[in-house]
Amino acid sequence: MWKIKAINVFTAYDCLLIDEIGYVEVEPVQVGLFFSLMHKRHKKKTTMITSNLGFEQWSSFLKNDHLTVALIDRLTENSHVINMKKCASLRTKLDQE
C-alpha cells in the first residue's frame, strides 16, 4: 500500500528531478516501481534525470532488457537529451581555488 502512495506523491509533482540514476544497485521491485512512476508521468509532467551512464549501460543496472527499452523509449519520446560527456568537470576547477 505504501508503494502506491509513494508513486502517487511523486507522480503529482510538476517537476521531478532524479539525480545520479544508476549510481546504486537496485532490486527488481524498485525497477518496477520506477517504471510505473515514469509511465504515470509520461507526457504529463516534467522529469529531469541525471546519470553518468549512457543509455546503452542502463540495462546493466536495471537488469531487465525489455523494461529498459520501454523506459528509455518513454523518457526520450518528448525530451531533450543533453550529453555532457565531453564537458569539463566543475569539481576540478573548484578544488583548485
N, C-alpha and C. Protein backbone atom coordinates (compact mmCIF):
# COMPACT_ATOMS: atom_id res chain seq x y z
N MET A 1 0.81 -1.20 0.00
CA MET A 1 0.00 0.00 0.00
C MET A 1 0.86 1.27 0.00
N TRP A 2 1.94 1.27 0.78
CA TRP A 2 2.80 2.45 0.85
C TRP A 2 3.45 2.73 -0.49
N LYS A 3 3.67 1.67 -1.28
CA LYS A 3 4.30 1.85 -2.60
C LYS A 3 3.39 2.66 -3.52
N ILE A 4 2.11 2.37 -3.49
CA ILE A 4 1.15 3.10 -4.33
C ILE A 4 1.08 4.56 -3.87
N LYS A 5 1.07 4.79 -2.57
CA LYS A 5 1.05 6.16 -2.05
C LYS A 5 2.30 6.93 -2.46
N ALA A 6 3.45 6.27 -2.38
CA ALA A 6 4.70 6.93 -2.76
C ALA A 6 4.70 7.28 -4.25
N ILE A 7 4.27 6.36 -5.09
CA ILE A 7 4.20 6.64 -6.53
C ILE A 7 3.25 7.80 -6.80
N ASN A 8 2.12 7.82 -6.11
CA ASN A 8 1.15 8.91 -6.32
C ASN A 8 1.72 10.26 -5.88
N VAL A 9 2.50 10.28 -4.80
CA VAL A 9 3.13 11.52 -4.35
C VAL A 9 4.10 12.03 -5.41
N PHE A 10 4.98 11.15 -5.90
CA PHE A 10 5.97 11.56 -6.89
C PHE A 10 5.35 11.84 -8.26
N THR A 11 4.25 11.21 -8.56
CA THR A 11 3.55 11.49 -9.81
C THR A 11 2.96 12.90 -9.80
N ALA A 12 2.56 13.37 -8.64
CA ALA A 12 1.88 14.67 -8.53
C ALA A 12 2.80 15.88 -8.72
N TYR A 13 4.09 15.73 -8.48
CA TYR A 13 4.99 16.88 -8.62
C TYR A 13 5.00 17.39 -10.06
N ASP A 14 4.94 18.72 -10.21
CA ASP A 14 5.00 19.31 -11.55
C ASP A 14 6.35 19.04 -12.20
N CYS A 15 7.41 19.09 -11.42
CA CYS A 15 8.76 18.83 -11.92
C CYS A 15 9.47 17.92 -10.92
N LEU A 16 9.98 16.81 -11.41
CA LEU A 16 10.68 15.84 -10.57
C LEU A 16 12.11 15.70 -11.07
N LEU A 17 13.08 15.86 -10.18
CA LEU A 17 14.49 15.69 -10.52
C LEU A 17 15.00 14.41 -9.87
N ILE A 18 15.50 13.52 -10.70
CA ILE A 18 16.09 12.27 -10.23
C ILE A 18 17.58 12.35 -10.56
N ASP A 19 18.40 12.46 -9.53
CA ASP A 19 19.82 12.71 -9.70
C ASP A 19 20.63 11.42 -9.55
N GLU A 20 21.59 11.23 -10.45
CA GLU A 20 22.53 10.12 -10.40
C GLU A 20 21.87 8.74 -10.49
N ILE A 21 20.97 8.57 -11.44
CA ILE A 21 20.35 7.25 -11.63
C ILE A 21 21.43 6.27 -12.09
N GLY A 22 21.37 5.08 -11.55
CA GLY A 22 22.36 4.07 -11.88
C GLY A 22 23.55 4.07 -10.95
N TYR A 23 23.55 4.95 -9.97
CA TYR A 23 24.68 5.08 -9.05
C TYR A 23 24.72 3.93 -8.04
N VAL A 24 23.55 3.48 -7.63
CA VAL A 24 23.48 2.38 -6.66
C VAL A 24 22.72 1.20 -7.25
N GLU A 25 23.00 0.02 -6.73
CA GLU A 25 22.29 -1.18 -7.17
C GLU A 25 20.82 -1.08 -6.76
N VAL A 26 19.95 -1.60 -7.60
CA VAL A 26 18.53 -1.59 -7.31
C VAL A 26 17.97 -3.00 -7.38
N GLU A 27 16.93 -3.22 -6.62
CA GLU A 27 16.24 -4.50 -6.60
C GLU A 27 15.17 -4.51 -7.70
N PRO A 28 14.79 -5.70 -8.18
CA PRO A 28 13.77 -5.77 -9.23
C PRO A 28 12.47 -5.04 -8.89
N VAL A 29 12.05 -5.08 -7.64
CA VAL A 29 10.82 -4.38 -7.26
C VAL A 29 10.99 -2.87 -7.41
N GLN A 30 12.19 -2.36 -7.12
CA GLN A 30 12.46 -0.93 -7.27
C GLN A 30 12.43 -0.53 -8.74
N VAL A 31 12.96 -1.38 -9.60
CA VAL A 31 12.94 -1.12 -11.04
C VAL A 31 11.49 -1.04 -11.52
N GLY A 32 10.67 -1.97 -11.08
CA GLY A 32 9.26 -1.95 -11.45
C GLY A 32 8.55 -0.71 -10.97
N LEU A 33 8.84 -0.28 -9.76
CA LEU A 33 8.23 0.95 -9.22
C LEU A 33 8.68 2.18 -10.00
N PHE A 34 9.96 2.21 -10.35
CA PHE A 34 10.47 3.34 -11.13
C PHE A 34 9.80 3.39 -12.50
N PHE A 35 9.66 2.23 -13.14
CA PHE A 35 8.99 2.19 -14.42
C PHE A 35 7.54 2.67 -14.28
N SER A 36 6.85 2.21 -13.25
CA SER A 36 5.46 2.64 -13.02
C SER A 36 5.37 4.15 -12.85
N LEU A 37 6.30 4.71 -12.09
CA LEU A 37 6.32 6.16 -11.89
C LEU A 37 6.54 6.90 -13.20
N MET A 38 7.52 6.46 -13.97
CA MET A 38 7.81 7.13 -15.25
C MET A 38 6.66 6.96 -16.22
N HIS A 39 6.01 5.82 -16.19
CA HIS A 39 4.85 5.59 -17.06
C HIS A 39 3.71 6.56 -16.70
N LYS A 40 3.48 6.76 -15.41
CA LYS A 40 2.41 7.68 -14.98
C LYS A 40 2.73 9.13 -15.31
N ARG A 41 4.00 9.51 -15.28
CA ARG A 41 4.40 10.88 -15.56
C ARG A 41 4.54 11.15 -17.05
N HIS A 42 4.65 10.10 -17.85
CA HIS A 42 4.90 10.21 -19.29
C HIS A 42 3.90 11.13 -19.97
N LYS A 43 4.41 12.15 -20.64
CA LYS A 43 3.63 13.16 -21.39
C LYS A 43 2.72 14.01 -20.50
N LYS A 44 2.89 13.93 -19.19
CA LYS A 44 2.03 14.71 -18.30
C LYS A 44 2.80 15.69 -17.43
N LYS A 45 3.95 15.30 -16.96
CA LYS A 45 4.73 16.11 -16.03
C LYS A 45 6.19 16.13 -16.47
N THR A 46 6.91 17.16 -16.03
CA THR A 46 8.33 17.29 -16.34
C THR A 46 9.16 16.43 -15.41
N THR A 47 10.08 15.67 -15.99
CA THR A 47 11.00 14.85 -15.21
C THR A 47 12.41 15.08 -15.76
N MET A 48 13.32 15.41 -14.86
CA MET A 48 14.73 15.57 -15.24
C MET A 48 15.52 14.45 -14.56
N ILE A 49 16.35 13.80 -15.36
CA ILE A 49 17.15 12.69 -14.83
C ILE A 49 18.61 12.95 -15.17
N THR A 50 19.48 12.76 -14.18
CA THR A 50 20.91 12.84 -14.44
C THR A 50 21.51 11.46 -14.21
N SER A 51 22.55 11.17 -14.98
CA SER A 51 23.25 9.90 -14.84
C SER A 51 24.63 10.02 -15.46
N ASN A 52 25.56 9.31 -14.90
CA ASN A 52 26.88 9.21 -15.51
C ASN A 52 26.92 8.09 -16.54
N LEU A 53 25.82 7.35 -16.66
CA LEU A 53 25.75 6.23 -17.58
C LEU A 53 25.02 6.62 -18.86
N GLY A 54 25.51 6.14 -19.97
CA GLY A 54 24.80 6.30 -21.23
C GLY A 54 23.64 5.31 -21.29
N PHE A 55 22.68 5.57 -22.15
CA PHE A 55 21.52 4.69 -22.25
C PHE A 55 21.91 3.24 -22.51
N GLU A 56 22.99 3.04 -23.24
CA GLU A 56 23.41 1.67 -23.55
C GLU A 56 23.85 0.91 -22.30
N GLN A 57 24.10 1.60 -21.22
CA GLN A 57 24.52 0.97 -19.97
C GLN A 57 23.37 0.78 -18.98
N TRP A 58 22.19 1.30 -19.28
CA TRP A 58 21.09 1.24 -18.33
C TRP A 58 20.63 -0.18 -18.04
N SER A 59 20.68 -1.07 -19.03
CA SER A 59 20.22 -2.43 -18.77
C SER A 59 21.13 -3.13 -17.76
N SER A 60 22.37 -2.67 -17.60
CA SER A 60 23.28 -3.30 -16.63
C SER A 60 22.83 -3.06 -15.19
N PHE A 61 22.23 -1.91 -14.89
CA PHE A 61 21.77 -1.70 -13.52
C PHE A 61 20.28 -1.97 -13.36
N LEU A 62 19.51 -1.87 -14.44
CA LEU A 62 18.08 -2.20 -14.36
C LEU A 62 17.84 -3.71 -14.45
N LYS A 63 18.76 -4.42 -15.06
CA LYS A 63 18.74 -5.88 -15.16
C LYS A 63 17.46 -6.43 -15.79
N ASN A 64 16.91 -5.69 -16.74
CA ASN A 64 15.72 -6.14 -17.45
C ASN A 64 15.73 -5.45 -18.81
N ASP A 65 16.17 -6.16 -19.83
CA ASP A 65 16.34 -5.56 -21.15
C ASP A 65 15.06 -4.99 -21.73
N HIS A 66 13.96 -5.73 -21.63
CA HIS A 66 12.69 -5.27 -22.21
C HIS A 66 12.17 -4.02 -21.50
N LEU A 67 12.25 -4.03 -20.19
CA LEU A 67 11.79 -2.88 -19.42
C LEU A 67 12.69 -1.67 -19.69
N THR A 68 13.98 -1.91 -19.83
CA THR A 68 14.93 -0.82 -20.11
C THR A 68 14.59 -0.14 -21.42
N VAL A 69 14.32 -0.92 -22.46
CA VAL A 69 13.96 -0.36 -23.77
C VAL A 69 12.67 0.45 -23.66
N ALA A 70 11.67 -0.11 -22.97
CA ALA A 70 10.39 0.59 -22.82
C ALA A 70 10.57 1.88 -22.02
N LEU A 71 11.38 1.84 -20.99
CA LEU A 71 11.62 3.02 -20.16
C LEU A 71 12.33 4.12 -20.94
N ILE A 72 13.40 3.76 -21.63
CA ILE A 72 14.14 4.76 -22.41
C ILE A 72 13.27 5.34 -23.51
N ASP A 73 12.43 4.51 -24.11
CA ASP A 73 11.50 4.99 -25.13
C ASP A 73 10.58 6.06 -24.57
N ARG A 74 10.03 5.82 -23.39
CA ARG A 74 9.14 6.80 -22.77
C ARG A 74 9.90 8.07 -22.36
N LEU A 75 11.08 7.87 -21.81
CA LEU A 75 11.84 9.03 -21.32
C LEU A 75 12.32 9.94 -22.44
N THR A 76 12.57 9.38 -23.61
CA THR A 76 13.15 10.19 -24.69
C THR A 76 12.14 10.64 -25.73
N GLU A 77 10.91 10.17 -25.65
CA GLU A 77 9.92 10.49 -26.68
C GLU A 77 9.69 11.99 -26.85
N ASN A 78 9.46 12.70 -25.79
CA ASN A 78 9.23 14.15 -25.84
C ASN A 78 10.28 14.87 -25.01
N SER A 79 11.54 14.56 -25.24
CA SER A 79 12.60 15.03 -24.35
C SER A 79 13.73 15.72 -25.09
N HIS A 80 14.52 16.39 -24.30
CA HIS A 80 15.80 16.93 -24.76
C HIS A 80 16.87 16.17 -23.99
N VAL A 81 17.69 15.44 -24.70
CA VAL A 81 18.78 14.70 -24.07
C VAL A 81 20.06 15.52 -24.24
N ILE A 82 20.68 15.82 -23.14
CA ILE A 82 21.91 16.61 -23.15
C ILE A 82 23.05 15.70 -22.72
N ASN A 83 23.95 15.44 -23.64
CA ASN A 83 25.10 14.60 -23.36
C ASN A 83 26.27 15.51 -23.00
N MET A 84 26.71 15.41 -21.78
CA MET A 84 27.80 16.27 -21.30
C MET A 84 29.11 15.49 -21.17
N LYS A 85 29.23 14.43 -21.96
CA LYS A 85 30.39 13.55 -21.88
C LYS A 85 31.71 14.29 -22.07
N LYS A 86 31.74 15.25 -22.96
CA LYS A 86 32.99 15.94 -23.27
C LYS A 86 33.16 17.25 -22.50
N CYS A 87 32.29 17.50 -21.52
CA CYS A 87 32.38 18.73 -20.74
C CYS A 87 33.38 18.56 -19.60
N ALA A 88 34.04 19.63 -19.27
CA ALA A 88 34.97 19.61 -18.15
C ALA A 88 34.21 19.66 -16.83
N SER A 89 34.70 18.96 -15.85
CA SER A 89 34.07 18.93 -14.54
C SER A 89 34.29 20.26 -13.81
N LEU A 90 33.24 20.77 -13.19
CA LEU A 90 33.37 21.97 -12.37
C LEU A 90 34.05 21.64 -11.05
N ARG A 91 33.95 20.39 -10.60
CA ARG A 91 34.56 19.99 -9.33
C ARG A 91 36.07 20.20 -9.37
N THR A 92 36.69 19.87 -10.48
CA THR A 92 38.14 20.04 -10.62
C THR A 92 38.52 21.50 -10.46
N LYS A 93 37.78 22.39 -11.10
CA LYS A 93 38.08 23.82 -11.02
C LYS A 93 37.87 24.36 -9.62
N LEU A 94 36.80 23.91 -8.94
CA LEU A 94 36.52 24.38 -7.60
C LEU A 94 37.57 23.89 -6.60
N ASP A 95 38.08 22.69 -6.80
CA ASP A 95 39.10 22.15 -5.91
C ASP A 95 40.41 22.93 -6.01
N GLN A 96 40.67 23.54 -7.15
CA GLN A 96 41.92 24.27 -7.36
C GLN A 96 41.89 25.66 -6.76
N GLU A 97 40.72 26.17 -6.46
CA GLU A 97 40.59 27.54 -5.91
C GLU A 97 40.89 27.61 -4.45
